[in-house]
């Protein structure tokens, strides 16, 4: 999958739920970022699409190994990738 296709898939997501059941909402793509909010989060999250795509291409993704690619936003990043059907949850 190329980056444009990846960004298009991510752009369709509006809500997502993490592996531990945390809910994220108001998810959207704004320029080069995926942004959104989460319950019990003080600030909205902001994930650089390029870094998320890089992780998608390089890793056998788990919530833990996403951390260095998404600046500590691994839970929403994982939830978004899962919701977009870009990873299978086997961990």
Protein backbone atom coordinates (compact mmCIF):
# COMPACT_ATOMS: atom_id res chain seq x y z
CA UNK A 1 0.00 0.00 0.00
CA UNK A 2 1.41 3.40 -0.89
CA UNK A 3 1.29 6.43 1.41
CA UNK A 4 -1.63 8.08 -0.40
CA UNK A 5 -3.76 4.93 -0.03
CA UNK A 6 -2.71 4.65 3.61
CA UNK A 7 -3.64 8.29 4.32
CA UNK A 8 -7.00 7.77 2.57
CA UNK A 9 -7.80 4.76 4.77
CA UNK A 10 -6.80 6.62 7.94
CA UNK A 11 -8.92 9.58 6.82
CA UNK A 12 -12.07 7.45 6.87
CA UNK A 13 -11.74 6.75 10.60
CA UNK A 14 -13.76 8.93 12.99
CA UNK A 15 -13.69 6.79 16.13
CA UNK A 16 -11.48 3.97 17.37
CA UNK A 17 -11.04 1.85 20.47
CA UNK A 18 -7.68 0.82 21.90
CA UNK A 19 -6.60 -2.66 22.87
CA UNK A 20 -7.43 -1.79 26.49
CA UNK A 21 -10.84 -0.31 25.64
CA UNK A 22 -9.95 3.40 25.58
CA UNK A 23 -12.14 5.29 23.16
CA UNK A 24 -10.89 7.94 20.74
CA UNK A 25 -13.17 10.28 18.80
CA UNK A 26 -13.18 13.31 16.48
CA UNK A 27 -10.41 11.56 14.56
CA UNK A 28 -9.48 13.24 11.30
CA UNK A 29 -6.57 13.88 8.99
CA UNK A 30 -5.39 17.48 9.01
CA UNK A 31 -2.61 18.11 6.51
CA UNK A 32 0.22 15.74 7.51
CA UNK A 33 -1.27 14.69 10.86
CA UNK A 34 -3.92 12.42 12.27
CA UNK A 35 -5.57 14.25 15.16
CA UNK A 36 -8.30 13.41 17.61
CA UNK A 37 -9.43 13.30 21.19
CA UNK A 38 -9.74 10.63 23.81
CA UNK A 39 -11.75 10.24 26.97
CA UNK A 40 -9.66 11.07 30.04
CA UNK A 41 -6.97 12.78 27.92
CA UNK A 42 -6.09 16.32 28.87
CA UNK A 43 -4.91 17.24 25.37
CA UNK A 44 -5.89 16.06 21.90
CA UNK A 45 -3.45 13.69 20.23
CA UNK A 46 -1.51 14.57 17.08
CA UNK A 47 0.26 11.84 15.13
CA UNK A 48 2.44 12.55 12.09
CA UNK A 49 1.08 10.46 9.20
CA UNK A 50 4.58 9.92 7.77
CA UNK A 51 5.76 8.32 11.02
CA UNK A 52 2.63 6.18 11.33
CA UNK A 53 3.10 5.00 7.74
CA UNK A 54 6.77 4.27 8.42
CA UNK A 55 5.81 2.12 11.41
CA UNK A 56 3.15 0.35 9.34
CA UNK A 57 5.74 -0.49 6.66
CA UNK A 58 8.58 -1.53 8.97
CA UNK A 59 7.05 -3.21 12.00
CA UNK A 60 5.08 -6.21 13.04
CA UNK A 61 2.95 -3.70 14.94
CA UNK A 62 2.17 -3.97 18.63
CA UNK A 63 1.14 -1.09 20.90
CA UNK A 64 4.59 -1.16 22.51
CA UNK A 65 6.78 -0.97 19.42
CA UNK A 66 4.76 1.92 17.97
CA UNK A 67 5.90 4.22 20.76
CA UNK A 68 9.15 5.45 19.19
CA UNK A 69 7.36 6.30 15.92
CA UNK A 70 4.39 8.23 17.34
CA UNK A 71 5.83 10.25 20.25
CA UNK A 72 4.04 8.41 23.03
CA UNK A 73 0.68 8.29 21.25
CA UNK A 74 0.87 4.55 20.73
CA UNK A 75 -2.58 3.76 22.11
CA UNK A 76 -4.54 5.97 19.69
CA UNK A 77 -2.16 5.08 16.85
CA UNK A 78 -2.73 1.36 17.39
CA UNK A 79 -6.50 1.87 17.71
CA UNK A 80 -6.62 3.85 14.46
CA UNK A 81 -4.58 1.28 12.52
CA UNK A 82 -6.77 -1.51 13.88
CA UNK A 83 -10.00 0.36 13.05
CA UNK A 84 -8.74 1.04 9.52
CA UNK A 85 -8.14 -2.70 9.05
CA UNK A 86 -4.41 -2.17 8.60
CA UNK A 87 -3.35 -4.60 11.33
CA UNK A 88 -4.78 -7.76 12.75
CA UNK A 89 -5.00 -7.92 16.50
CA UNK A 90 -3.21 -11.03 17.66
CA UNK A 91 -1.20 -9.63 20.58
